[in-house]
């Protein structure tokens, strides 16, 4: 449904996107992650046909987005939310959505059905008669998302779809993405890492224009140094540390700077819960809490992206 092959973009001497290749299948929600300036938005603009690649190709549903005889067919099956959700600020929300419905060739009952669905699902009823430039950033983002999905496309490319939304709005949009995902192909760029395990079936991490990782959220989390780790609250942290040093399967010991808990890092493949509990009891170290620490995607993200040098 989406395929890029050696997709590259160069502005003068600056290589922004460097031979990016990936495929997204129907039913997949692919999270596109990377630090600022990594090439995420440029890649998505090339996929959507808004920026021409310097090299390589991008296809949507088999249509090459740059070939003159195929670009219109590609755009007809695509819903695209660009970075910043650009629109016509002097138009009311209702007029803008009507305009997009016209552009997409919607008419009759289908038009009414799709407009009603978008307005209701994105809670736009209360702002329909406001001009877009008077809306909050969050509402402008929702209007942009409505424009992207009004024609019910099989492929969605969403650049920061929850940027500027409050927690309740983010929850609603994530629910909408999950609701739309069966049978569709969805590509999302985000800097909000919590969205990846929440809505994505797969994630790509890009830095300096290169794809550095392509895996499921679970596989990425398994790379975290905190995967399998435990936290311990002990009355005597010095005694607890002494008891656990050198235990088979313990890769390291850390102190949480916020609340003083001791974090016991695990060697991959070792389940530490029973081992740590038994060792503390054996050494007579009283502890009030022993629990599994969540793996941290931020940890994996930093490890992967900070090892990359930005291309000239």
Protein backbone atom coordinates (compact mmCIF):
# COMPACT_ATOMS: atom_id res chain seq x y z
CA UNK A 1 0.00 0.00 0.00
CA UNK A 2 2.93 2.33 0.73
CA UNK A 3 6.36 1.51 -0.64
CA UNK A 4 9.52 3.60 -0.76
CA UNK A 5 12.64 2.46 -2.57
CA UNK A 6 15.97 4.23 -1.95
CA UNK A 7 14.04 7.46 -1.41
CA UNK A 8 16.46 10.40 -1.07
CA UNK A 9 16.25 14.18 -0.88
CA UNK A 10 19.11 16.63 -1.11
CA UNK A 11 18.95 20.40 -0.74
CA UNK A 12 22.21 21.66 -2.19
CA UNK A 13 24.98 19.91 -0.27
CA UNK A 14 22.66 18.87 2.57
CA UNK A 15 21.38 15.29 2.35
CA UNK A 16 18.08 15.32 4.27
CA UNK A 17 16.80 11.82 3.42
CA UNK A 18 19.30 9.10 2.56
CA UNK A 19 18.00 6.07 0.60
CA UNK A 20 15.01 5.32 2.81
CA UNK A 21 13.27 2.05 1.88
CA UNK A 22 10.28 0.46 3.58
CA UNK A 23 6.87 -1.08 2.86
CA UNK A 24 3.63 -0.64 4.81
CA UNK A 25 0.93 -3.29 4.40
CA UNK A 26 -2.88 -3.02 4.83
CA UNK A 27 -3.81 -3.12 8.51
CA UNK A 28 -0.45 -1.77 9.65
CA UNK A 29 -0.05 1.44 11.64
CA UNK A 30 3.59 2.42 11.17
CA UNK A 31 5.07 4.93 13.60
CA UNK A 32 7.78 7.09 12.03
CA UNK A 33 10.09 8.32 14.79
CA UNK A 34 13.16 10.48 14.90
CA UNK A 35 14.69 13.60 16.47
CA UNK A 36 14.07 17.06 15.02
CA UNK A 37 15.72 17.36 11.62
CA UNK A 38 15.85 13.59 11.11
CA UNK A 39 14.02 13.73 7.76
CA UNK A 40 10.59 12.51 8.92
CA UNK A 41 8.45 15.30 7.46
CA UNK A 42 10.46 15.45 4.24
CA UNK A 43 9.99 11.71 3.74
CA UNK A 44 6.25 12.01 4.32
CA UNK A 45 6.00 14.95 1.90
CA UNK A 46 7.73 12.85 -0.78
CA UNK A 47 5.35 9.94 -0.15
CA UNK A 48 2.39 12.32 -0.43
CA UNK A 49 3.74 13.82 -3.65
CA UNK A 50 4.26 17.33 -2.25
CA UNK A 51 8.05 17.21 -2.58
CA UNK A 52 9.94 15.58 -5.43
CA UNK A 53 12.69 13.14 -4.41
CA UNK A 54 16.24 13.66 -5.59
CA UNK A 55 16.46 9.90 -6.12
CA UNK A 56 14.32 6.83 -5.52
CA UNK A 57 10.59 6.22 -5.73
CA UNK A 58 7.47 6.21 -3.60
CA UNK A 59 4.24 4.40 -4.51
CA UNK A 60 0.77 4.38 -2.98
CA UNK A 61 -1.45 1.41 -3.83
CA UNK A 62 0.94 0.69 -6.69
CA UNK A 63 0.77 4.23 -8.13
CA UNK A 64 4.05 6.12 -8.45
CA UNK A 65 3.41 9.50 -6.82
CA UNK A 66 5.79 11.31 -9.21
CA UNK A 67 4.75 9.78 -12.55
CA UNK A 68 2.46 12.14 -14.43
CA UNK A 69 -0.01 9.42 -15.42
CA UNK A 70 -0.20 7.98 -11.88
CA UNK A 71 0.09 10.88 -9.44
CA UNK A 72 -3.65 11.74 -9.48
CA UNK A 73 -4.60 8.10 -8.83
CA UNK A 74 -2.16 8.04 -5.92
CA UNK A 75 -3.64 11.18 -4.36
CA UNK A 76 -7.20 9.91 -4.74
CA UNK A 77 -6.50 7.02 -2.38
CA UNK A 78 -4.47 9.09 0.08
CA UNK A 79 -5.45 11.11 3.13
CA UNK A 80 -2.62 13.45 4.14
CA UNK A 81 -2.28 15.58 7.27
CA UNK A 82 0.81 17.77 6.82
CA UNK A 83 2.91 19.14 9.63
CA UNK A 84 1.10 22.11 11.20
CA UNK A 85 -2.26 21.19 9.59
CA UNK A 86 -2.25 24.07 7.04
CA UNK A 87 -5.65 25.36 5.92
CA UNK A 88 -7.43 28.55 4.83
CA UNK A 89 -7.66 30.56 8.02
CA UNK A 90 -10.32 32.98 6.75
CA UNK A 91 -12.78 30.13 6.07
CA UNK A 92 -15.17 28.77 8.66
CA UNK A 93 -14.69 25.15 9.67
CA UNK A 94 -17.93 24.23 7.92
CA UNK A 95 -16.95 26.02 4.69
CA UNK A 96 -13.51 24.44 4.71
CA UNK A 97 -14.85 20.90 5.17
CA UNK A 98 -17.41 21.54 2.40
CA UNK A 99 -14.58 22.76 0.17
CA UNK A 100 -12.54 19.60 0.85
CA UNK A 101 -15.61 17.45 0.15
CA UNK A 102 -15.97 19.25 -3.21
CA UNK A 103 -12.31 18.68 -4.05
CA UNK A 104 -12.69 15.00 -3.20
CA UNK A 105 -15.76 14.67 -5.43
CA UNK A 106 -18.17 13.72 -2.65
CA UNK A 107 -21.87 14.22 -3.36
CA UNK A 108 -25.35 13.22 -2.26
CA UNK A 109 -25.93 10.90 0.67
CA UNK A 110 -22.30 9.82 0.76
CA UNK A 111 -21.20 13.43 1.19
CA UNK A 112 -23.63 14.02 4.06
CA UNK A 113 -22.62 10.74 5.71
CA UNK A 114 -18.90 11.48 5.57
CA UNK A 115 -19.23 15.09 6.76
CA UNK A 116 -21.49 14.03 9.64
CA UNK A 117 -19.03 11.28 10.59
CA UNK A 118 -16.00 13.59 10.59
CA UNK A 119 -17.74 16.39 12.48
CA UNK A 120 -19.12 14.01 15.11
CA UNK A 121 -16.04 11.85 15.52
CA UNK A 122 -13.72 14.85 15.93
CA UNK A 123 -16.19 16.86 18.08
CA UNK A 124 -16.27 19.83 15.73
CA UNK A 125 -19.97 20.68 16.18
CA UNK A 126 -19.29 23.65 18.44
CA UNK A 127 -16.81 25.38 16.11
CA UNK A 128 -18.38 24.89 12.67
CA UNK A 129 -19.19 28.60 12.23
CA UNK A 130 -15.85 29.87 13.55
CA UNK A 131 -13.11 30.90 11.17
CA UNK A 132 -10.15 28.57 11.35
CA UNK A 133 -7.69 31.31 12.33
CA UNK A 134 -9.68 31.91 15.55
CA UNK A 135 -9.37 28.28 16.66
CA UNK A 136 -6.93 26.87 19.19
CA UNK A 137 -4.00 24.85 17.91
CA UNK A 138 -5.75 21.66 18.99
CA UNK A 139 -8.94 22.45 17.08
CA UNK A 140 -6.98 23.44 13.96
CA UNK A 141 -5.25 20.06 14.18
CA UNK A 142 -8.63 18.31 14.40
CA UNK A 143 -9.95 20.23 11.40
CA UNK A 144 -6.87 19.17 9.43
CA UNK A 145 -7.41 15.56 10.43
CA UNK A 146 -11.04 15.82 9.35
CA UNK A 147 -9.96 17.08 5.94
CA UNK A 148 -7.56 14.14 5.62
CA UNK A 149 -10.20 11.47 6.32
CA UNK A 150 -13.39 12.99 4.89
CA UNK A 151 -13.18 10.86 1.71
CA UNK A 152 -12.50 7.67 3.73
CA UNK A 153 -9.16 6.87 2.06
CA UNK A 154 -7.46 3.46 2.28
CA UNK A 155 -4.06 5.10 2.97
CA UNK A 156 -3.37 7.77 5.60
CA UNK A 157 -0.15 9.74 6.07
CA UNK A 158 -0.40 11.74 9.30
CA UNK A 159 2.38 14.10 10.36
CA UNK A 160 2.12 14.68 14.14
CA UNK A 161 -1.66 14.05 14.32
CA UNK A 162 -1.92 14.73 18.07
CA UNK A 163 0.40 17.74 18.22
CA UNK A 164 -1.24 20.50 20.26
CA UNK A 165 -4.06 18.36 21.61
CA UNK A 166 -4.88 18.09 25.30
CA UNK A 167 -4.78 14.62 26.97
CA UNK A 168 -8.48 13.96 26.35
CA UNK A 169 -8.21 14.96 22.69
CA UNK A 170 -5.11 12.82 22.24
CA UNK A 171 -7.02 9.87 23.66
CA UNK A 172 -9.87 10.48 21.20
CA UNK A 173 -7.57 10.76 18.17
CA UNK A 174 -5.64 7.64 19.14
CA UNK A 175 -8.94 5.81 19.45
CA UNK A 176 -9.94 7.06 16.00
CA UNK A 177 -6.66 5.81 14.50
CA UNK A 178 -7.15 2.38 16.08
CA UNK A 179 -10.75 2.35 14.83
CA UNK A 180 -9.67 3.17 11.26
CA UNK A 181 -6.69 0.82 11.11
CA UNK A 182 -8.30 -2.52 10.08
CA UNK A 183 -7.91 -2.80 6.32
CA UNK A 184 -6.18 0.58 6.03
CA UNK A 185 -2.54 1.55 5.78
CA UNK A 186 -1.53 4.30 8.20
CA UNK A 187 1.81 6.08 8.49
CA UNK A 188 2.21 8.38 11.49
CA UNK A 189 5.13 10.56 12.42
CA UNK A 190 5.29 11.51 16.08
CA UNK A 191 7.65 12.75 18.73
CA UNK A 192 5.32 11.47 21.47
CA UNK A 193 6.85 8.07 22.17
CA UNK A 194 3.93 6.89 24.31
CA UNK A 195 1.84 6.82 21.11
CA UNK A 196 3.95 4.04 19.63
CA UNK A 197 2.83 1.14 21.85
CA UNK A 198 -0.62 2.75 22.09
CA UNK A 199 -1.52 2.83 18.38
CA UNK A 200 1.33 1.45 16.25
CA UNK A 201 1.84 -2.11 15.10
CA UNK A 202 5.35 -1.29 13.91
CA UNK A 203 7.86 1.53 14.25
CA UNK A 204 10.74 2.93 12.22
CA UNK A 205 13.38 5.12 13.83
CA UNK A 206 15.18 7.53 11.52
CA UNK A 207 18.07 9.89 12.24
CA UNK A 208 20.25 11.95 9.90
CA UNK A 209 18.02 10.79 7.05
CA UNK A 210 18.75 7.08 7.55
CA UNK A 211 16.53 4.26 8.81
CA UNK A 212 18.22 2.90 11.93
CA UNK A 213 15.56 0.53 13.27
CA UNK A 214 12.41 -1.16 11.95
CA UNK A 215 10.61 -3.36 14.48
CA UNK A 216 7.43 -3.90 16.46
CA UNK A 217 6.97 -1.78 19.59
CA UNK A 218 7.47 -4.92 21.71
CA UNK A 219 10.78 -5.70 19.98
CA UNK A 220 11.98 -2.12 20.50
CA UNK A 221 10.99 -2.20 24.17
CA UNK A 222 12.92 -5.45 24.57
CA UNK A 223 16.07 -3.47 23.67
CA UNK A 224 15.62 -1.17 26.65
CA UNK A 225 18.23 -1.52 29.37
CA UNK A 226 15.27 -1.53 31.75
CA UNK A 227 13.61 -4.57 30.13
CA UNK A 228 13.18 -7.14 32.89
CA UNK A 229 14.43 -4.72 35.57
CA UNK A 230 13.06 -4.61 39.12
CA UNK A 231 12.68 -1.77 41.58
CA UNK A 232 13.33 -2.36 45.26
CA UNK A 233 12.35 -0.23 48.25
CA UNK A 234 14.49 -1.30 51.17
CA UNK A 235 14.99 0.31 54.58
CA UNK A 236 18.74 -0.12 54.20
CA UNK A 237 19.66 0.50 50.57
CA UNK A 238 23.35 0.01 51.27
CA UNK A 239 22.69 -3.48 52.61
CA UNK A 240 20.36 -4.24 49.69
CA UNK A 241 22.99 -3.16 47.18
CA UNK A 242 25.64 -5.25 48.89
CA UNK A 243 23.35 -8.30 48.91
CA UNK A 244 22.60 -8.09 45.18
CA UNK A 245 26.04 -7.31 43.80
CA UNK A 246 27.40 -10.26 41.87
CA UNK A 247 24.10 -12.15 41.72
CA UNK A 248 23.80 -14.14 38.48
CA UNK A 249 21.46 -12.30 36.09
CA UNK A 250 21.97 -8.88 37.71
CA UNK A 251 23.50 -6.61 35.08
CA UNK A 252 23.75 -3.53 37.26
CA UNK A 253 22.28 -1.50 40.10
CA UNK A 254 21.01 2.07 39.93
CA UNK A 255 19.35 4.51 42.32
CA UNK A 256 16.29 6.43 41.20
CA UNK A 257 17.17 10.11 41.73
CA UNK A 258 13.55 11.06 42.44
CA UNK A 259 12.47 8.67 45.18
CA UNK A 260 15.58 6.69 46.06
CA UNK A 261 14.36 3.30 44.84
CA UNK A 262 17.05 0.89 43.79
CA UNK A 263 16.72 -0.31 40.19
CA UNK A 264 18.06 -3.81 39.55
CA UNK A 265 18.95 -4.21 35.85
CA UNK A 266 18.61 -7.65 34.30
CA UNK A 267 20.90 -9.53 31.97
CA UNK A 268 18.82 -10.43 28.87
CA UNK A 269 16.99 -13.71 29.32
CA UNK A 270 17.01 -13.65 33.14
CA UNK A 271 13.89 -13.36 35.29
CA UNK A 272 15.09 -11.70 38.46
CA UNK A 273 11.98 -11.57 40.63
CA UNK A 274 12.40 -14.87 42.50
CA UNK A 275 16.21 -14.58 42.58
CA UNK A 276 16.25 -11.05 44.02
CA UNK A 277 13.50 -11.78 46.55
CA UNK A 278 15.27 -14.91 47.79
CA UNK A 279 18.66 -13.17 48.01
CA UNK A 280 17.32 -10.25 50.06
CA UNK A 281 15.53 -12.59 52.47
CA UNK A 282 18.62 -14.78 52.74
CA UNK A 283 20.73 -11.75 53.73
CA UNK A 284 18.08 -10.46 56.14
CA UNK A 285 17.43 -7.27 54.18
CA UNK A 286 13.91 -5.99 54.83
CA UNK A 287 12.15 -4.59 51.78
CA UNK A 288 8.72 -2.98 51.46
CA UNK A 289 8.33 -3.25 47.70
CA UNK A 290 9.65 -5.35 44.85
CA UNK A 291 8.11 -4.77 41.44
CA UNK A 292 8.85 -5.08 37.74
CA UNK A 293 9.99 -1.85 36.09
CA UNK A 294 8.49 -0.96 32.70
CA UNK A 295 10.81 -0.97 29.73
CA UNK A 296 11.41 2.56 28.47
CA UNK A 297 11.11 3.44 24.80
CA UNK A 298 12.85 6.78 25.45
CA UNK A 299 15.91 4.82 26.52
CA UNK A 300 15.93 2.83 23.27
CA UNK A 301 15.27 5.95 21.18
CA UNK A 302 18.21 7.82 22.69
CA UNK A 303 20.56 4.86 22.33
CA UNK A 304 19.70 4.42 18.65
CA UNK A 305 19.60 8.06 17.55
CA UNK A 306 22.55 9.41 19.53
CA UNK A 307 24.89 6.94 17.89
CA UNK A 308 24.35 8.58 14.51
CA UNK A 309 26.34 11.45 13.05
CA UNK A 310 24.35 13.97 11.03
CA UNK A 311 25.20 13.81 7.32
CA UNK A 312 26.79 16.88 5.67
